[in-house]
């Protein structure tokens, strides 16, 4: 065991120790514990991984799971992978076999609610497409939309009708909005990037990120096809999204980069309105987009496409100027997300350079985790997500729980 491995293990177990006790449920926001992003559901994933991979006691994991599933779990149409019944269902799919009996009935119950939710929301989304209306993030994105629900189903019920319907919906999402000649991609949302209405984004915007944009559907479509799950139009939809990313790829001295989002004026001009200074994160940056493009190449057996995106990832994650924009250790837009994404990409890579960048990325993650810790307990931007990526660094193995399926990178 190397010094770096020992230090990563020590740091992640220290975080798990500090988060051993769940915070009391806030009676004014009882739903918050069901959040995979910030609540007990996300932090519970750390304790499940610590028990399965690092021989830690099961009791802390059970306490956090019990807290996340306490009260009335939301199965409303606003629930998604990161909040409500899909989040709890995702969590309940991670405990090891020797304690599965504790959670079997609860997992079965919430899974049925997720299936019903998936069908209801797919019905609503397809009706919206038929009307020719613009969607919102919440309809299709990774966090709260059908892409995230599809990520859960891909790992729990891949042969079911609910996943097939979601994939068919995502394929429909890649077709231009009706009526003909409107000139907008099918995923063009009616609001601005902050879900409001801004004079800078009249008529909404097009988002390219993995968290809220079209890269999320590309990840799910590619992951499904890679596993042999295919519906009519599947390959065409992947190619449509890749073509869109090709159009908006910006060539710089340090490799290709993509804008976070596009306005109507950008479409008209054929030029993004923002400079090439976005951080290379999972949520919006090159890390998430490049992993999606790599997976598309793998799914389509297109080695040229795969190598293009692997080169983009390598060049981004070896560029000091771009890496200087990463200022925290979190999953969403920090070092944990970059390391976890890069480790998954390196395991699949044709490019022999990708595995070689992991030690430097791991050192940066560990440095930020130790010297710039966050007091927040959550998964996306908090200490739990950082610790989970440290587990990958410490063991040089993929997660035993498959927790990073919620990011669609595996």
Protein backbone atom coordinates (compact mmCIF):
# COMPACT_ATOMS: atom_id res chain seq x y z
CA UNK A 1 0.00 0.00 0.00
CA UNK A 2 1.53 3.33 -1.08
CA UNK A 3 1.65 6.47 1.02
CA UNK A 4 -0.95 8.09 -1.22
CA UNK A 5 -3.25 5.09 -0.88
CA UNK A 6 -2.88 5.12 2.91
CA UNK A 7 -3.55 8.85 3.04
CA UNK A 8 -6.64 8.55 0.82
CA UNK A 9 -7.98 5.72 2.99
CA UNK A 10 -7.30 7.63 6.19
CA UNK A 11 -8.99 10.76 4.84
CA UNK A 12 -12.11 9.03 3.57
CA UNK A 13 -12.54 7.05 6.79
CA UNK A 14 -12.08 10.26 8.75
CA UNK A 15 -14.88 11.87 6.76
CA UNK A 16 -17.08 8.80 7.33
CA UNK A 17 -16.35 9.00 11.07
CA UNK A 18 -17.28 12.68 11.17
CA UNK A 19 -20.54 11.85 9.38
CA UNK A 20 -21.38 8.80 11.48
CA UNK A 21 -24.54 10.33 12.98
CA UNK A 22 -27.35 11.63 10.77
CA UNK A 23 -28.61 15.10 11.48
CA UNK A 24 -32.18 15.22 12.83
CA UNK A 25 -34.95 15.51 10.29
CA UNK A 26 -36.07 19.13 9.90
CA UNK A 27 -39.85 19.14 10.53
CA UNK A 28 -40.19 22.13 8.18
CA UNK A 29 -38.38 20.30 5.34
CA UNK A 30 -38.92 16.57 5.90
CA UNK A 31 -38.35 15.89 2.21
CA UNK A 32 -34.73 17.10 2.42
CA UNK A 33 -33.46 13.78 3.82
CA UNK A 34 -34.64 12.09 0.61
CA UNK A 35 -32.17 14.16 -1.42
CA UNK A 36 -29.35 12.27 -3.10
CA UNK A 37 -27.64 15.60 -3.72
CA UNK A 38 -27.58 17.09 -0.23
CA UNK A 39 -29.58 14.88 2.13
CA UNK A 40 -29.28 11.63 4.03
CA UNK A 41 -29.77 9.50 0.91
CA UNK A 42 -26.51 10.76 -0.59
CA UNK A 43 -24.48 10.53 2.60
CA UNK A 44 -25.78 7.00 3.21
CA UNK A 45 -24.02 5.92 -0.01
CA UNK A 46 -20.67 6.74 1.61
CA UNK A 47 -21.38 4.52 4.59
CA UNK A 48 -22.58 1.64 2.41
CA UNK A 49 -19.38 1.85 0.35
CA UNK A 50 -17.27 2.12 3.52
CA UNK A 51 -18.89 -1.02 4.91
CA UNK A 52 -18.60 -3.00 1.69
CA UNK A 53 -15.12 -1.90 0.60
CA UNK A 54 -13.35 -0.84 3.80
CA UNK A 55 -14.70 -3.26 6.41
CA UNK A 56 -16.43 -0.53 8.40
CA UNK A 57 -19.36 -1.40 10.70
CA UNK A 58 -22.81 -1.51 9.15
CA UNK A 59 -24.58 0.45 11.89
CA UNK A 60 -23.77 3.98 10.55
CA UNK A 61 -24.99 2.95 7.08
CA UNK A 62 -28.21 1.61 8.56
CA UNK A 63 -28.81 4.80 10.53
CA UNK A 64 -28.39 6.96 7.43
CA UNK A 65 -30.53 4.65 5.28
CA UNK A 66 -33.26 4.68 7.94
CA UNK A 67 -33.15 8.46 8.07
CA UNK A 68 -33.36 8.77 4.29
CA UNK A 69 -36.37 6.45 4.14
CA UNK A 70 -38.13 7.90 7.16
CA UNK A 71 -41.46 9.63 6.82
CA UNK A 72 -43.49 9.78 3.66
CA UNK A 73 -41.19 9.35 0.67
CA UNK A 74 -42.32 11.53 -2.22
CA UNK A 75 -43.57 9.78 -5.36
CA UNK A 76 -44.96 13.02 -6.80
CA UNK A 77 -44.31 13.92 -10.42
CA UNK A 78 -41.52 16.25 -9.23
CA UNK A 79 -39.52 13.28 -7.86
CA UNK A 80 -36.38 12.25 -9.72
CA UNK A 81 -33.13 10.39 -9.25
CA UNK A 82 -31.80 13.01 -6.86
CA UNK A 83 -34.94 13.55 -4.78
CA UNK A 84 -37.83 11.41 -3.59
CA UNK A 85 -38.71 7.83 -4.37
CA UNK A 86 -36.12 7.26 -7.14
CA UNK A 87 -33.35 8.53 -4.85
CA UNK A 88 -34.39 6.20 -2.03
CA UNK A 89 -34.80 3.30 -4.47
CA UNK A 90 -31.29 3.93 -5.84
CA UNK A 91 -29.90 3.90 -2.29
CA UNK A 92 -31.74 0.71 -1.31
CA UNK A 93 -30.14 -1.09 -4.23
CA UNK A 94 -26.63 -0.71 -2.75
CA UNK A 95 -26.53 -2.71 0.56
CA UNK A 96 -24.63 -6.03 0.43
CA UNK A 97 -26.33 -9.41 0.28
CA UNK A 98 -25.76 -10.27 3.94
CA UNK A 99 -28.03 -7.43 5.10
CA UNK A 100 -30.39 -7.40 2.13
CA UNK A 101 -33.22 -8.86 4.17
CA UNK A 102 -33.42 -5.62 6.14
CA UNK A 103 -34.31 -3.64 3.02
CA UNK A 104 -35.88 -6.09 0.58
CA UNK A 105 -39.52 -5.18 1.20
CA UNK A 106 -38.87 -1.44 1.25
CA UNK A 107 -36.85 -1.70 -1.96
CA UNK A 108 -39.63 -3.63 -3.67
CA UNK A 109 -42.23 -1.07 -2.59
CA UNK A 110 -40.30 2.00 -3.73
CA UNK A 111 -39.34 0.29 -6.98
CA UNK A 112 -43.00 -0.15 -7.88
CA UNK A 113 -43.54 3.56 -7.22
CA UNK A 114 -40.60 4.41 -9.50
CA UNK A 115 -42.08 2.30 -12.29
CA UNK A 116 -45.43 4.08 -11.98
CA UNK A 117 -43.66 7.46 -11.88
CA UNK A 118 -41.63 6.61 -14.98
CA UNK A 119 -44.75 5.74 -16.97
CA UNK A 120 -46.65 8.85 -15.82
CA UNK A 121 -43.80 11.17 -16.62
CA UNK A 122 -43.12 9.55 -19.99
CA UNK A 123 -46.80 9.97 -20.89
CA UNK A 124 -46.64 13.65 -19.97
CA UNK A 125 -43.39 14.21 -21.87
CA UNK A 126 -44.64 12.55 -25.04
CA UNK A 127 -47.86 14.58 -24.86
CA UNK A 128 -45.77 17.75 -24.56
CA UNK A 129 -43.77 16.76 -27.65
CA UNK A 130 -46.99 16.13 -29.56
CA UNK A 131 -48.16 19.66 -28.68
CA UNK A 132 -44.89 21.15 -29.90
CA UNK A 133 -44.25 22.91 -26.58
CA UNK A 134 -40.78 23.58 -25.20
CA UNK A 135 -39.61 21.34 -22.33
CA UNK A 136 -37.93 22.24 -19.03
CA UNK A 137 -34.84 20.76 -17.37
CA UNK A 138 -37.08 18.80 -15.03
CA UNK A 139 -38.59 16.82 -17.89
CA UNK A 140 -35.42 15.16 -19.13
CA UNK A 141 -32.32 16.00 -17.06
CA UNK A 142 -30.10 13.74 -14.96
CA UNK A 143 -31.01 15.17 -11.57
CA UNK A 144 -34.81 15.32 -11.66
CA UNK A 145 -35.87 14.27 -15.16
CA UNK A 146 -36.40 11.09 -17.12
CA UNK A 147 -32.71 10.62 -17.86
CA UNK A 148 -31.99 10.18 -14.16
CA UNK A 149 -34.94 7.85 -13.66
CA UNK A 150 -33.69 5.89 -16.67
CA UNK A 151 -30.24 5.62 -15.04
CA UNK A 152 -31.85 3.93 -12.04
CA UNK A 153 -33.86 1.56 -14.24
CA UNK A 154 -30.83 0.66 -16.37
CA UNK A 155 -29.16 -0.79 -13.28
CA UNK A 156 -32.22 -2.35 -11.64
CA UNK A 157 -34.76 -3.25 -14.34
CA UNK A 158 -32.96 -3.06 -17.70
CA UNK A 159 -35.36 -5.39 -19.51
CA UNK A 160 -38.50 -3.66 -18.31
CA UNK A 161 -40.98 -1.65 -20.29
CA UNK A 162 -40.41 1.53 -18.26
CA UNK A 163 -36.79 1.87 -19.39
CA UNK A 164 -37.75 1.11 -22.99
CA UNK A 165 -40.34 3.89 -22.92
CA UNK A 166 -37.82 6.36 -21.49
CA UNK A 167 -35.32 5.49 -24.21
CA UNK A 168 -38.00 5.97 -26.87
CA UNK A 169 -38.83 9.33 -25.33
CA UNK A 170 -35.16 10.41 -25.38
CA UNK A 171 -34.97 9.43 -29.03
CA UNK A 172 -38.04 11.59 -29.72
CA UNK A 173 -36.30 14.40 -27.78
CA UNK A 174 -33.48 14.45 -30.34
CA UNK A 175 -35.82 15.32 -33.19
CA UNK A 176 -36.40 19.00 -34.08
CA UNK A 177 -39.34 20.63 -32.41
CA UNK A 178 -42.58 20.82 -34.36
CA UNK A 179 -43.83 22.60 -36.38
CA UNK A 180 -41.32 22.06 -39.20
CA UNK A 181 -38.89 24.92 -39.71
CA UNK A 182 -38.86 26.05 -36.10
CA UNK A 183 -35.12 25.47 -36.13
CA UNK A 184 -34.72 24.38 -32.51
CA UNK A 185 -33.33 21.10 -31.17
CA UNK A 186 -35.94 18.98 -29.40
CA UNK A 187 -34.21 19.46 -26.03
CA UNK A 188 -34.30 23.28 -26.22
CA UNK A 189 -35.81 24.44 -22.90
CA UNK A 190 -38.13 27.41 -22.46
CA UNK A 191 -36.23 29.01 -19.55
CA UNK A 192 -32.72 30.37 -18.96
CA UNK A 193 -29.87 28.35 -17.34
CA UNK A 194 -31.11 29.36 -13.85
CA UNK A 195 -34.65 28.15 -14.67
CA UNK A 196 -35.90 31.72 -14.83
CA UNK A 197 -36.52 34.21 -17.61
CA UNK A 198 -33.73 36.53 -18.66
CA UNK A 199 -33.43 39.09 -21.46
CA UNK A 200 -30.15 37.36 -22.33
CA UNK A 201 -32.05 34.17 -23.19
CA UNK A 202 -35.24 35.21 -24.99
CA UNK A 203 -36.97 32.07 -26.13
CA UNK A 204 -35.08 29.83 -23.72
CA UNK A 205 -31.75 28.10 -24.27
CA UNK A 206 -29.99 24.91 -25.28
CA UNK A 207 -27.86 23.23 -22.61
CA UNK A 208 -24.86 21.02 -23.39
CA UNK A 209 -23.98 19.76 -19.90
CA UNK A 210 -24.23 16.32 -18.30
CA UNK A 211 -26.29 17.54 -15.35
CA UNK A 212 -29.05 19.45 -17.14
CA UNK A 213 -28.26 19.33 -20.84
CA UNK A 214 -28.24 16.98 -23.79
CA UNK A 215 -25.08 15.22 -22.63
CA UNK A 216 -27.16 13.46 -19.93
CA UNK A 217 -29.42 11.75 -22.50
CA UNK A 218 -26.33 10.89 -24.57
CA UNK A 219 -24.83 9.17 -21.54
CA UNK A 220 -27.97 7.11 -20.89
CA UNK A 221 -28.54 6.19 -24.55
CA UNK A 222 -24.90 5.14 -24.91
CA UNK A 223 -24.81 3.18 -21.65
CA UNK A 224 -27.97 1.30 -22.66
CA UNK A 225 -26.74 0.49 -26.17
CA UNK A 226 -23.39 -0.61 -24.79
CA UNK A 227 -25.26 -3.14 -22.65
CA UNK A 228 -27.16 -4.48 -25.66
CA UNK A 229 -30.40 -2.58 -24.99
CA UNK A 230 -31.61 -0.98 -28.22
CA UNK A 231 -34.88 0.51 -29.42
CA UNK A 232 -35.80 1.85 -32.89
CA UNK A 233 -33.89 5.03 -33.75
CA UNK A 234 -31.38 4.49 -30.93
CA UNK A 235 -28.20 4.79 -32.98
CA UNK A 236 -29.53 7.71 -35.00
CA UNK A 237 -30.32 9.59 -31.77
CA UNK A 238 -26.78 9.08 -30.45
CA UNK A 239 -25.36 10.27 -33.75
CA UNK A 240 -27.67 13.32 -33.74
CA UNK A 241 -26.41 14.40 -30.34
CA UNK A 242 -22.79 13.77 -31.31
CA UNK A 243 -23.31 15.86 -34.44
CA UNK A 244 -24.67 18.69 -32.29
CA UNK A 245 -21.59 18.47 -30.07
CA UNK A 246 -19.41 18.50 -33.19
CA UNK A 247 -21.04 21.69 -34.43
CA UNK A 248 -20.42 23.51 -31.16
CA UNK A 249 -16.97 22.11 -30.40
CA UNK A 250 -14.55 25.01 -30.07
CA UNK A 251 -10.93 24.37 -31.04
CA UNK A 252 -8.32 25.91 -28.74
CA UNK A 253 -4.58 25.57 -28.32
CA UNK A 254 -5.15 23.17 -25.42
CA UNK A 255 -7.77 21.03 -27.10
CA UNK A 256 -11.48 21.07 -27.85
CA UNK A 257 -13.95 22.71 -25.49
CA UNK A 258 -17.71 23.15 -25.46
CA UNK A 259 -19.96 26.02 -24.35
CA UNK A 260 -22.15 25.37 -21.32
CA UNK A 261 -25.28 26.62 -23.05
CA UNK A 262 -26.57 28.37 -26.17
CA UNK A 263 -28.98 31.24 -26.74
CA UNK A 264 -31.26 31.83 -29.72
CA UNK A 265 -28.78 34.44 -30.94
CA UNK A 266 -25.96 31.87 -30.75
CA UNK A 267 -27.95 29.59 -33.05
CA UNK A 268 -28.49 32.42 -35.50
CA UNK A 269 -24.82 33.45 -35.49
CA UNK A 270 -23.38 29.94 -35.26
CA UNK A 271 -21.12 31.17 -32.47
CA UNK A 272 -21.43 30.77 -28.66
CA UNK A 273 -21.80 33.96 -26.65
CA UNK A 274 -19.41 32.97 -23.85
CA UNK A 275 -15.59 32.67 -24.05
CA UNK A 276 -13.85 29.30 -23.59
CA UNK A 277 -13.27 29.61 -19.85
CA UNK A 278 -15.63 27.07 -18.29
CA UNK A 279 -14.10 24.68 -15.75
CA UNK A 280 -13.64 21.10 -17.00
CA UNK A 281 -16.14 19.58 -14.58
CA UNK A 282 -18.51 16.61 -14.75
CA UNK A 283 -21.66 18.70 -14.59
CA UNK A 284 -21.07 21.16 -17.43
CA UNK A 285 -17.52 20.85 -18.64
CA UNK A 286 -15.33 18.76 -20.88
CA UNK A 287 -14.98 15.90 -18.36
CA UNK A 288 -18.67 14.97 -18.54
CA UNK A 289 -19.00 15.66 -22.27
CA UNK A 290 -15.86 13.71 -23.14
CA UNK A 291 -16.97 10.68 -21.12
CA UNK A 292 -20.32 10.77 -22.94
CA UNK A 293 -18.61 10.98 -26.33
CA UNK A 294 -16.25 8.15 -25.41
CA UNK A 295 -19.20 5.96 -24.41
CA UNK A 296 -21.01 6.86 -27.64
CA UNK A 297 -17.98 5.68 -29.59
CA UNK A 298 -17.86 2.44 -27.60
CA UNK A 299 -21.59 1.82 -28.05
CA UNK A 300 -21.45 2.50 -31.79
CA UNK A 301 -18.16 0.59 -32.25
CA UNK A 302 -16.76 3.81 -33.70
CA UNK A 303 -13.12 3.89 -32.62
CA UNK A 304 -12.52 7.22 -34.32
CA UNK A 305 -15.24 8.87 -32.25
CA UNK A 306 -14.00 7.18 -29.10
CA UNK A 307 -10.41 8.34 -29.67
CA UNK A 308 -11.52 11.90 -30.44
CA UNK A 309 -13.22 12.24 -27.06
CA UNK A 310 -10.46 10.44 -25.19
CA UNK A 311 -7.97 12.89 -26.65
CA UNK A 312 -10.23 15.78 -25.60
CA UNK A 313 -10.35 14.43 -22.05
CA UNK A 314 -6.60 13.90 -21.89
CA UNK A 315 -5.78 17.37 -23.22
CA UNK A 316 -8.24 19.04 -20.86
CA UNK A 317 -7.06 17.21 -17.77
CA UNK A 318 -3.40 17.93 -18.46
CA UNK A 319 -3.91 21.65 -19.08
CA UNK A 320 -2.84 23.64 -15.99
CA UNK A 321 -4.89 26.66 -17.05
CA UNK A 322 -8.12 24.67 -17.20
CA UNK A 323 -7.40 22.72 -14.02
CA UNK A 324 -6.81 26.00 -12.20
CA UNK A 325 -10.55 26.59 -12.50
CA UNK A 326 -11.27 23.61 -10.23
CA UNK A 327 -11.41 25.07 -6.75
CA UNK A 328 -13.22 22.50 -4.61
CA UNK A 329 -13.17 18.77 -3.93
CA UNK A 330 -16.82 18.06 -4.73
CA UNK A 331 -18.40 15.69 -7.24
CA UNK A 332 -20.52 18.05 -9.27
CA UNK A 333 -17.92 20.56 -10.39
CA UNK A 334 -14.85 19.69 -8.34
CA UNK A 335 -11.91 17.30 -8.14
CA UNK A 336 -13.95 14.31 -6.97
CA UNK A 337 -16.13 14.40 -10.07
CA UNK A 338 -13.12 14.84 -12.33
CA UNK A 339 -11.22 11.96 -10.73
CA UNK A 340 -14.19 9.59 -10.72
CA UNK A 341 -15.03 10.39 -14.35
CA UNK A 342 -11.40 10.06 -15.45
CA UNK A 343 -11.01 6.73 -13.65
CA UNK A 344 -14.07 5.30 -15.41
CA UNK A 345 -12.87 6.68 -18.75
CA UNK A 346 -9.35 5.31 -18.26
CA UNK A 347 -10.70 1.81 -17.60
CA UNK A 348 -12.40 1.84 -21.02
CA UNK A 349 -9.78 3.79 -22.94
CA UNK A 350 -8.05 2.95 -26.19
CA UNK A 351 -5.77 5.93 -25.54
CA UNK A 352 -2.88 4.67 -23.38
CA UNK A 353 -2.27 8.14 -21.97
CA UNK A 354 -5.47 8.30 -19.92
CA UNK A 355 -4.49 5.85 -17.14
CA UNK A 356 -1.27 7.80 -16.72
CA UNK A 357 -3.01 11.01 -15.66
CA UNK A 358 -4.86 9.42 -12.73
CA UNK A 359 -2.05 9.77 -10.15
CA UNK A 360 -1.83 13.54 -10.64
CA UNK A 361 -5.59 13.95 -10.54
CA UNK A 362 -5.77 11.77 -7.43
CA UNK A 363 -3.08 13.86 -5.74
CA UNK A 364 -5.04 17.04 -6.46
CA UNK A 365 -8.23 15.46 -5.09
CA UNK A 366 -6.49 14.31 -1.92
CA UNK A 367 -4.81 17.68 -1.42
CA UNK A 368 -8.11 19.55 -1.67
CA UNK A 369 -9.90 17.04 0.56
CA UNK A 370 -7.27 17.38 3.28
CA UNK A 371 -6.50 21.08 3.15
CA UNK A 372 -9.79 22.57 1.95
CA UNK A 373 -12.43 20.32 3.52
CA UNK A 374 -16.10 21.17 3.42
CA UNK A 375 -18.40 20.88 6.39
CA UNK A 376 -21.35 20.01 4.16
CA UNK A 377 -22.41 16.34 4.37
CA UNK A 378 -23.98 15.86 0.95
CA UNK A 379 -23.07 13.83 -2.12
CA UNK A 380 -22.88 16.35 -4.96
CA UNK A 381 -21.02 19.24 -3.35
CA UNK A 382 -20.33 17.87 0.12
CA UNK A 383 -17.87 15.70 1.98
CA UNK A 384 -19.67 12.40 1.25
CA UNK A 385 -19.08 12.68 -2.49
CA UNK A 386 -15.45 13.62 -1.96
CA UNK A 387 -14.95 10.60 0.29
CA UNK A 388 -16.53 8.25 -2.26
CA UNK A 389 -14.09 9.38 -4.94
CA UNK A 390 -11.27 8.96 -2.39
CA UNK A 391 -12.38 5.35 -1.99
CA UNK A 392 -11.80 4.80 -5.71
CA UNK A 393 -8.40 6.46 -5.37
CA UNK A 394 -7.49 4.38 -2.30
CA UNK A 395 -8.48 1.01 -3.73
CA UNK A 396 -7.80 1.55 -7.45
CA UNK A 397 -11.05 -0.32 -8.00
CA UNK A 398 -14.51 0.75 -9.19
CA UNK A 399 -17.08 1.26 -6.42
CA UNK A 400 -18.50 -1.92 -4.93
CA UNK A 401 -21.91 -0.24 -4.75
CA UNK A 402 -21.90 1.24 -8.24
CA UNK A 403 -22.82 4.58 -6.63
CA UNK A 404 -21.44 6.60 -9.58
CA UNK A 405 -24.25 5.26 -11.78
CA UNK A 406 -26.12 8.34 -10.55
CA UNK A 407 -23.65 10.39 -12.61
CA UNK A 408 -24.15 8.04 -15.60
CA UNK A 409 -20.41 7.56 -15.98
CA UNK A 410 -20.62 3.80 -15.44
